[in-house]
Each structure stands twice: as structure tokens, then as C-alpha cells.
């Protein structure tokens, strides 16, 4: 990080770790994917969420996130797109056929990856968070601010992805322990429905919430 206009890097790392440990939609999506489809799916969901954070980092670095902060129209468009996508995922999880839920469900890794990426990318509040949080640790009016944005975003993203992977592994391990029990199929179906309902609720909250 030498040469970049950064300050209070240890404080940034500590704050970033605490923020990444705070449960939110991304962590719930990872846990739900892992519990419903296995650890591999959970890890792919974690990497997808990380890809979404990378998009927000790049947007913040080039200043496009400022558009969401200043343009009500742009914010509303992204907000409603993200809310619709969350509701769509939730409805799909609620109404997936019961027979599929009671077997060892395999999903295409790229599907879970892109779901995680879009869930994160289409949340404008994540973009505003990056725009508000990262500049607090960048020296104002100094050259190299775009690179500083990228460096801080990468550090935050690595920490968040690591936390989500741990969550995916824990949720997947819990799923495996229950795999041979008589209630495993029913429990998996109810968990899938619960996560689906949660995502519908998150979509509604995003759509109806203010900045």
C-alpha cells in the first residue's frame, strides 16, 4: 500500500472485519444456498457476492457510484431492479417442486455465482456504502485516489469473501450432518421456503425503503 494516499489502515481493516461479520442479505443468501444445495453452492455464492462487491469498487473508483448518490432517478431504477430480482429468487425458492427439495439437489455452480453477483450488484445501498465508507480512509485532494479506492475495496472484499466462505462451510456442514436423518428432506424444504420468504421480504424492504 506504500505510495497510495491512505491513512488509518489498521482502523479500516478492523472496521471492515466488523462490518463483514454483521449478518445481512449477502450472508443470508450464502447460508441459504449452502444449506439448500451444499457447501460447493455456498462457496460459489460467496464468490458471486465478492464479484458484486468488485463491481461496486470499480464504480466507486471511476465515480459512477456518485450518480446514485445524486440522481434520484438512477437510484430508483437500480433499487427497483434489485428488489424485483430478490423477489424473483424468493418466489422461485418458495415454489420449487417438493420432490426436488427432498433429494440431493445439485445446481449449476455458475447459476449460484451469478445469483450472488446480481443480488449484490443490484443493491444501490451497497454502492452508496462504498462511496461513503472508503473515502474516510483516503487522503483528500491527493493524487492516486482511484487506485486507493481499488486497494481499499479489494481489502474489504477479500475479508468479506473469506467470512462468507466460512459461513458457507458451516452451513454446508450442518446440512451434511442432517443428510441421513428422516427429517432431512422436510427440513430442507422448510429451510428453502424460509430463505425464499426472507428474500421476498428483503426485496420488499429494498423497494419500499428510502435512501
C-alpha atoms as a PDB file:
ATOM      1  CA  UNK A   1       0.000   0.000   0.000  1.00  0.00           C
ATOM      2  CA  UNK A   2       3.089   2.193   0.028  1.00  0.00           C
ATOM      3  CA  UNK A   3       2.690   5.273  -2.101  1.00  0.00           C
ATOM      4  CA  UNK A   4      -1.103   5.281  -2.040  1.00  0.00           C
ATOM      5  CA  UNK A   5      -2.921   8.216  -0.372  1.00  0.00           C
ATOM      6  CA  UNK A   6      -4.266   6.137   2.522  1.00  0.00           C
ATOM      7  CA  UNK A   7      -4.425   6.734   6.246  1.00  0.00           C
ATOM      8  CA  UNK A   8      -5.532   4.768   9.335  1.00  0.00           C
ATOM      9  CA  UNK A   9      -5.254   1.448   7.506  1.00  0.00           C
ATOM     10  CA  UNK A  10      -5.407  -0.684  10.714  1.00  0.00           C
ATOM     11  CA  UNK A  11      -8.644   1.083  11.671  1.00  0.00           C
ATOM     12  CA  UNK A  12     -10.027   0.387   8.195  1.00  0.00           C
ATOM     13  CA  UNK A  13      -9.176  -3.311   8.480  1.00  0.00           C
ATOM     14  CA  UNK A  14     -10.792  -3.575  11.914  1.00  0.00           C
ATOM     15  CA  UNK A  15     -13.911  -1.709  10.856  1.00  0.00           C
ATOM     16  CA  UNK A  16     -14.143  -3.743   7.652  1.00  0.00           C
ATOM     17  CA  UNK A  17     -13.916  -7.009   9.571  1.00  0.00           C
ATOM     18  CA  UNK A  18     -16.692  -5.981  11.955  1.00  0.00           C
ATOM     19  CA  UNK A  19     -18.886  -4.875   9.055  1.00  0.00           C
ATOM     20  CA  UNK A  20     -18.286  -8.120   7.183  1.00  0.00           C
ATOM     21  CA  UNK A  21     -19.199 -10.139  10.290  1.00  0.00           C
ATOM     22  CA  UNK A  22     -22.549  -8.342  10.535  1.00  0.00           C
ATOM     23  CA  UNK A  23     -25.328 -10.531   9.059  1.00  0.00           C
ATOM     24  CA  UNK A  24     -27.000  -9.061   6.016  1.00  0.00           C
ATOM     25  CA  UNK A  25     -28.687 -10.106   2.755  1.00  0.00           C
ATOM     26  CA  UNK A  26     -25.435 -11.376   1.221  1.00  0.00           C
ATOM     27  CA  UNK A  27     -24.556 -13.563   4.201  1.00  0.00           C
ATOM     28  CA  UNK A  28     -28.115 -14.896   4.380  1.00  0.00           C
ATOM     29  CA  UNK A  29     -28.020 -15.722   0.679  1.00  0.00           C
ATOM     30  CA  UNK A  30     -24.739 -17.600   1.123  1.00  0.00           C
ATOM     31  CA  UNK A  31     -26.006 -19.524   4.154  1.00  0.00           C
ATOM     32  CA  UNK A  32     -29.277 -20.365   2.428  1.00  0.00           C
ATOM     33  CA  UNK A  33     -27.523 -21.542  -0.749  1.00  0.00           C
ATOM     34  CA  UNK A  34     -25.142 -23.729   1.218  1.00  0.00           C
ATOM     35  CA  UNK A  35     -27.859 -25.204   3.427  1.00  0.00           C
ATOM     36  CA  UNK A  36     -30.131 -25.917   0.471  1.00  0.00           C
ATOM     37  CA  UNK A  37     -27.588 -27.119  -2.102  1.00  0.00           C
ATOM     38  CA  UNK A  38     -24.364 -27.950  -0.260  1.00  0.00           C
ATOM     39  CA  UNK A  39     -21.054 -26.330   0.532  1.00  0.00           C
ATOM     40  CA  UNK A  40     -19.968 -26.023  -3.088  1.00  0.00           C
ATOM     41  CA  UNK A  41     -23.012 -23.919  -3.885  1.00  0.00           C
ATOM     42  CA  UNK A  42     -22.394 -21.793  -0.794  1.00  0.00           C
ATOM     43  CA  UNK A  43     -18.785 -21.146  -1.773  1.00  0.00           C
ATOM     44  CA  UNK A  44     -19.855 -20.197  -5.303  1.00  0.00           C
ATOM     45  CA  UNK A  45     -22.464 -17.854  -3.820  1.00  0.00           C
ATOM     46  CA  UNK A  46     -19.699 -16.280  -1.709  1.00  0.00           C
ATOM     47  CA  UNK A  47     -17.532 -15.741  -4.775  1.00  0.00           C
ATOM     48  CA  UNK A  48     -20.507 -14.275  -6.621  1.00  0.00           C
ATOM     49  CA  UNK A  49     -21.147 -11.795  -3.824  1.00  0.00           C
ATOM     50  CA  UNK A  50     -17.451 -10.923  -3.946  1.00  0.00           C
ATOM     51  CA  UNK A  51     -17.749 -10.272  -7.678  1.00  0.00           C
ATOM     52  CA  UNK A  52     -20.645  -7.910  -6.957  1.00  0.00           C
ATOM     53  CA  UNK A  53     -18.528  -6.043  -4.423  1.00  0.00           C
ATOM     54  CA  UNK A  54     -15.776  -5.794  -7.023  1.00  0.00           C
ATOM     55  CA  UNK A  55     -18.250  -4.130  -9.378  1.00  0.00           C
ATOM     56  CA  UNK A  56     -19.135  -1.587  -6.682  1.00  0.00           C
ATOM     57  CA  UNK A  57     -15.445  -0.957  -6.031  1.00  0.00           C
ATOM     58  CA  UNK A  58     -14.803  -0.269  -9.713  1.00  0.00           C
ATOM     59  CA  UNK A  59     -17.838   2.006  -9.931  1.00  0.00           C
ATOM     60  CA  UNK A  60     -16.703   3.944  -6.877  1.00  0.00           C
ATOM     61  CA  UNK A  61     -13.191   4.241  -8.290  1.00  0.00           C
ATOM     62  CA  UNK A  62     -14.417   5.816 -11.532  1.00  0.00           C
ATOM     63  CA  UNK A  63     -17.041   7.943  -9.817  1.00  0.00           C
ATOM     64  CA  UNK A  64     -20.163   6.278 -11.204  1.00  0.00           C
ATOM     65  CA  UNK A  65     -21.470   5.486  -7.737  1.00  0.00           C
ATOM     66  CA  UNK A  66     -21.741   9.235  -7.204  1.00  0.00           C
ATOM     67  CA  UNK A  67     -24.501   9.161  -9.800  1.00  0.00           C
ATOM     68  CA  UNK A  68     -26.610   7.001  -7.496  1.00  0.00           C
ATOM     69  CA  UNK A  69     -25.962   9.404  -4.656  1.00  0.00           C
ATOM     70  CA  UNK A  70     -27.047  12.471  -6.633  1.00  0.00           C
ATOM     71  CA  UNK A  71     -29.613  11.168  -9.140  1.00  0.00           C
ATOM     72  CA  UNK A  72     -32.947  10.112  -7.675  1.00  0.00           C
ATOM     73  CA  UNK A  73     -33.961   8.528 -10.981  1.00  0.00           C
ATOM     74  CA  UNK A  74     -30.824   6.384 -11.235  1.00  0.00           C
ATOM     75  CA  UNK A  75     -31.164   5.308  -7.623  1.00  0.00           C
ATOM     76  CA  UNK A  76     -34.810   4.325  -8.093  1.00  0.00           C
ATOM     77  CA  UNK A  77     -34.099   2.365 -11.279  1.00  0.00           C
ATOM     78  CA  UNK A  78     -31.344   0.300  -9.661  1.00  0.00           C
ATOM     79  CA  UNK A  79     -33.324  -0.082  -6.444  1.00  0.00           C
ATOM     80  CA  UNK A  80     -36.411  -1.461  -8.173  1.00  0.00           C
ATOM     81  CA  UNK A  81     -34.327  -3.743 -10.389  1.00  0.00           C
ATOM     82  CA  UNK A  82     -32.594  -5.165  -7.324  1.00  0.00           C
ATOM     83  CA  UNK A  83     -35.861  -5.545  -5.428  1.00  0.00           C
ATOM     84  CA  UNK A  84     -37.502  -7.344  -8.360  1.00  0.00           C
ATOM     85  CA  UNK A  85     -34.559  -9.722  -8.649  1.00  0.00           C
ATOM     86  CA  UNK A  86     -34.644 -10.578  -4.935  1.00  0.00           C
ATOM     87  CA  UNK A  87     -38.388 -11.234  -5.080  1.00  0.00           C
ATOM     88  CA  UNK A  88     -37.943 -13.366  -8.200  1.00  0.00           C
ATOM     89  CA  UNK A  89     -35.324 -15.534  -6.465  1.00  0.00           C
ATOM     90  CA  UNK A  90     -37.549 -15.809  -3.376  1.00  0.00           C
ATOM     91  CA  UNK A  91     -40.611 -16.880  -5.378  1.00  0.00           C
ATOM     92  CA  UNK A  92     -38.536 -19.469  -7.184  1.00  0.00           C
ATOM     93  CA  UNK A  93     -37.358 -20.940  -3.887  1.00  0.00           C
ATOM     94  CA  UNK A  94     -40.878 -20.950  -2.443  1.00  0.00           C
ATOM     95  CA  UNK A  95     -42.500 -22.740  -5.355  1.00  0.00           C
ATOM     96  CA  UNK A  96     -39.767 -25.145  -6.397  1.00  0.00           C
ATOM     97  CA  UNK A  97     -41.158 -28.649  -6.628  1.00  0.00           C
ATOM     98  CA  UNK A  98     -41.117 -30.547  -3.359  1.00  0.00           C
ATOM     99  CA  UNK A  99     -39.597 -33.627  -4.957  1.00  0.00           C
ATOM    100  CA  UNK A 100     -36.523 -31.680  -5.953  1.00  0.00           C
ATOM    101  CA  UNK A 101     -36.093 -30.355  -2.437  1.00  0.00           C
ATOM    102  CA  UNK A 102     -36.141 -33.828  -0.888  1.00  0.00           C
ATOM    103  CA  UNK A 103     -33.250 -35.164  -2.937  1.00  0.00           C
ATOM    104  CA  UNK A 104     -29.613 -34.187  -3.048  1.00  0.00           C
ATOM    105  CA  UNK A 105     -30.078 -31.010  -5.017  1.00  0.00           C
ATOM    106  CA  UNK A 106     -27.326 -30.084  -7.431  1.00  0.00           C
ATOM    107  CA  UNK A 107     -27.357 -26.700  -9.100  1.00  0.00           C
ATOM    108  CA  UNK A 108     -25.052 -25.367 -11.749  1.00  0.00           C
ATOM    109  CA  UNK A 109     -22.169 -23.544  -9.981  1.00  0.00           C
ATOM    110  CA  UNK A 110     -22.338 -20.653 -12.419  1.00  0.00           C
ATOM    111  CA  UNK A 111     -26.035 -20.150 -11.647  1.00  0.00           C
ATOM    112  CA  UNK A 112     -25.405 -19.676  -7.925  1.00  0.00           C
ATOM    113  CA  UNK A 113     -22.388 -17.494  -8.686  1.00  0.00           C
ATOM    114  CA  UNK A 114     -24.401 -15.121 -10.885  1.00  0.00           C
ATOM    115  CA  UNK A 115     -27.285 -15.041  -8.433  1.00  0.00           C
ATOM    116  CA  UNK A 116     -24.879 -13.882  -5.718  1.00  0.00           C
ATOM    117  CA  UNK A 117     -23.245 -11.362  -8.024  1.00  0.00           C
ATOM    118  CA  UNK A 118     -26.550  -9.855  -9.173  1.00  0.00           C
ATOM    119  CA  UNK A 119     -28.009  -9.831  -5.658  1.00  0.00           C
ATOM    120  CA  UNK A 120     -25.104  -7.680  -4.530  1.00  0.00           C
ATOM    121  CA  UNK A 121     -24.659  -5.565  -7.664  1.00  0.00           C
ATOM    122  CA  UNK A 122     -28.334  -4.592  -7.895  1.00  0.00           C
ATOM    123  CA  UNK A 123     -28.435  -3.243  -4.354  1.00  0.00           C
ATOM    124  CA  UNK A 124     -27.793   0.510  -4.661  1.00  0.00           C
ATOM    125  CA  UNK A 125     -27.267   0.811  -0.915  1.00  0.00           C
ATOM    126  CA  UNK A 126     -24.083  -1.240  -1.275  1.00  0.00           C
ATOM    127  CA  UNK A 127     -22.848   1.271  -3.857  1.00  0.00           C
ATOM    128  CA  UNK A 128     -23.647   4.169  -1.534  1.00  0.00           C
ATOM    129  CA  UNK A 129     -21.933   2.364   1.339  1.00  0.00           C
ATOM    130  CA  UNK A 130     -18.718   2.012  -0.665  1.00  0.00           C
ATOM    131  CA  UNK A 131     -18.937   5.648  -1.711  1.00  0.00           C
ATOM    132  CA  UNK A 132     -19.412   6.761   1.902  1.00  0.00           C
ATOM    133  CA  UNK A 133     -17.074   4.352   3.714  1.00  0.00           C
ATOM    134  CA  UNK A 134     -13.952   4.089   1.571  1.00  0.00           C
ATOM    135  CA  UNK A 135     -13.218   7.843   1.243  1.00  0.00           C
ATOM    136  CA  UNK A 136     -12.928   8.103   5.033  1.00  0.00           C
ATOM    137  CA  UNK A 137      -9.523   6.390   4.726  1.00  0.00           C
ATOM    138  CA  UNK A 138      -8.220   8.207   1.643  1.00  0.00           C
ATOM    139  CA  UNK A 139      -6.218  11.414   1.862  1.00  0.00           C
ATOM    140  CA  UNK A 140      -8.347  14.182   0.300  1.00  0.00           C
ATOM    141  CA  UNK A 141      -7.060  16.150  -2.694  1.00  0.00           C
ATOM    142  CA  UNK A 142      -4.185  13.715  -3.201  1.00  0.00           C
ATOM    143  CA  UNK A 143      -3.194  12.050  -6.477  1.00  0.00           C
ATOM    144  CA  UNK A 144      -3.928   8.364  -6.934  1.00  0.00           C
ATOM    145  CA  UNK A 145      -7.352   8.347  -5.303  1.00  0.00           C
ATOM    146  CA  UNK A 146      -8.787   5.910  -7.861  1.00  0.00           C
ATOM    147  CA  UNK A 147      -6.054   3.402  -7.065  1.00  0.00           C
ATOM    148  CA  UNK A 148      -6.666   3.964  -3.362  1.00  0.00           C
ATOM    149  CA  UNK A 149     -10.360   3.165  -3.902  1.00  0.00           C
ATOM    150  CA  UNK A 150      -9.411  -0.054  -5.675  1.00  0.00           C
ATOM    151  CA  UNK A 151      -6.932  -1.061  -2.979  1.00  0.00           C
ATOM    152  CA  UNK A 152      -9.360  -0.474  -0.101  1.00  0.00           C
ATOM    153  CA  UNK A 153     -12.204  -2.122  -1.985  1.00  0.00           C
ATOM    154  CA  UNK A 154     -10.039  -5.167  -2.667  1.00  0.00           C
ATOM    155  CA  UNK A 155      -9.077  -5.457   1.008  1.00  0.00           C
ATOM    156  CA  UNK A 156     -12.692  -5.122   2.119  1.00  0.00           C
ATOM    157  CA  UNK A 157     -13.804  -7.630  -0.491  1.00  0.00           C
ATOM    158  CA  UNK A 158     -11.191 -10.224   0.470  1.00  0.00           C
ATOM    159  CA  UNK A 159     -12.302 -10.024   4.096  1.00  0.00           C
ATOM    160  CA  UNK A 160     -15.974 -10.234   3.197  1.00  0.00           C
ATOM    161  CA  UNK A 161     -15.459 -13.178   0.855  1.00  0.00           C
ATOM    162  CA  UNK A 162     -13.452 -15.033   3.498  1.00  0.00           C
ATOM    163  CA  UNK A 163     -16.211 -14.503   6.076  1.00  0.00           C
ATOM    164  CA  UNK A 164     -18.886 -15.668   3.644  1.00  0.00           C
ATOM    165  CA  UNK A 165     -16.898 -18.777   2.716  1.00  0.00           C
ATOM    166  CA  UNK A 166     -16.666 -19.694   6.402  1.00  0.00           C
ATOM    167  CA  UNK A 167     -20.443 -19.201   6.693  1.00  0.00           C
ATOM    168  CA  UNK A 168     -20.938 -21.407   3.616  1.00  0.00           C
ATOM    169  CA  UNK A 169     -18.764 -24.173   5.062  1.00  0.00           C
ATOM    170  CA  UNK A 170     -20.544 -24.084   8.422  1.00  0.00           C
ATOM    171  CA  UNK A 171     -23.999 -24.153   6.829  1.00  0.00           C
ATOM    172  CA  UNK A 172     -22.923 -26.929   4.470  1.00  0.00           C
ATOM    173  CA  UNK A 173     -21.532 -28.976   7.345  1.00  0.00           C
ATOM    174  CA  UNK A 174     -24.818 -28.632   9.229  1.00  0.00           C
ATOM    175  CA  UNK A 175     -26.646 -29.809   6.113  1.00  0.00           C
ATOM    176  CA  UNK A 176     -24.389 -32.862   5.803  1.00  0.00           C
ATOM    177  CA  UNK A 177     -24.905 -33.834   9.435  1.00  0.00           C
ATOM    178  CA  UNK A 178     -28.651 -33.887   8.847  1.00  0.00           C
ATOM    179  CA  UNK A 179     -28.450 -35.564   5.446  1.00  0.00           C
ATOM    180  CA  UNK A 180     -29.145 -39.111   6.682  1.00  0.00           C
ATOM    181  CA  UNK A 181     -31.862 -38.254   9.175  1.00  0.00           C
ATOM    182  CA  UNK A 182     -35.556 -38.965   8.421  1.00  0.00           C
ATOM    183  CA  UNK A 183     -36.449 -35.297   8.704  1.00  0.00           C
ATOM    184  CA  UNK A 184     -33.676 -34.101   6.392  1.00  0.00           C
ATOM    185  CA  UNK A 185     -35.911 -33.748   3.321  1.00  0.00           C
ATOM    186  CA  UNK A 186     -38.687 -31.941   5.150  1.00  0.00           C
ATOM    187  CA  UNK A 187     -36.213 -29.725   6.978  1.00  0.00           C
ATOM    188  CA  UNK A 188     -34.509 -28.834   3.698  1.00  0.00           C
ATOM    189  CA  UNK A 189     -37.849 -27.958   2.126  1.00  0.00           C
ATOM    190  CA  UNK A 190     -38.859 -25.729   5.038  1.00  0.00           C
ATOM    191  CA  UNK A 191     -35.427 -24.087   5.058  1.00  0.00           C
ATOM    192  CA  UNK A 192     -35.719 -23.407   1.337  1.00  0.00           C
ATOM    193  CA  UNK A 193     -39.158 -21.864   1.854  1.00  0.00           C
ATOM    194  CA  UNK A 194     -37.902 -19.790   4.785  1.00  0.00           C
ATOM    195  CA  UNK A 195     -34.997 -18.418   2.747  1.00  0.00           C
ATOM    196  CA  UNK A 196     -37.361 -17.740  -0.164  1.00  0.00           C
ATOM    197  CA  UNK A 197     -39.735 -15.823   2.102  1.00  0.00           C
ATOM    198  CA  UNK A 198     -36.766 -13.939   3.541  1.00  0.00           C
ATOM    199  CA  UNK A 199     -35.647 -12.834   0.092  1.00  0.00           C
ATOM    200  CA  UNK A 200     -39.140 -11.689  -0.820  1.00  0.00           C
ATOM    201  CA  UNK A 201     -39.135  -9.667   2.398  1.00  0.00           C
ATOM    202  CA  UNK A 202     -35.694  -8.215   1.635  1.00  0.00           C
ATOM    203  CA  UNK A 203     -36.866  -7.265  -1.853  1.00  0.00           C
ATOM    204  CA  UNK A 204     -39.943  -5.557  -0.436  1.00  0.00           C
ATOM    205  CA  UNK A 205     -37.831  -3.734   2.144  1.00  0.00           C
ATOM    206  CA  UNK A 206     -35.420  -2.547  -0.538  1.00  0.00           C
ATOM    207  CA  UNK A 207     -38.269  -1.395  -2.786  1.00  0.00           C
ATOM    208  CA  UNK A 208     -40.158   0.435  -0.061  1.00  0.00           C
ATOM    209  CA  UNK A 209     -37.200   1.808   1.858  1.00  0.00           C
ATOM    210  CA  UNK A 210     -35.668   5.216   1.426  1.00  0.00           C
ATOM    211  CA  UNK A 211     -32.048   6.027   0.930  1.00  0.00           C
END
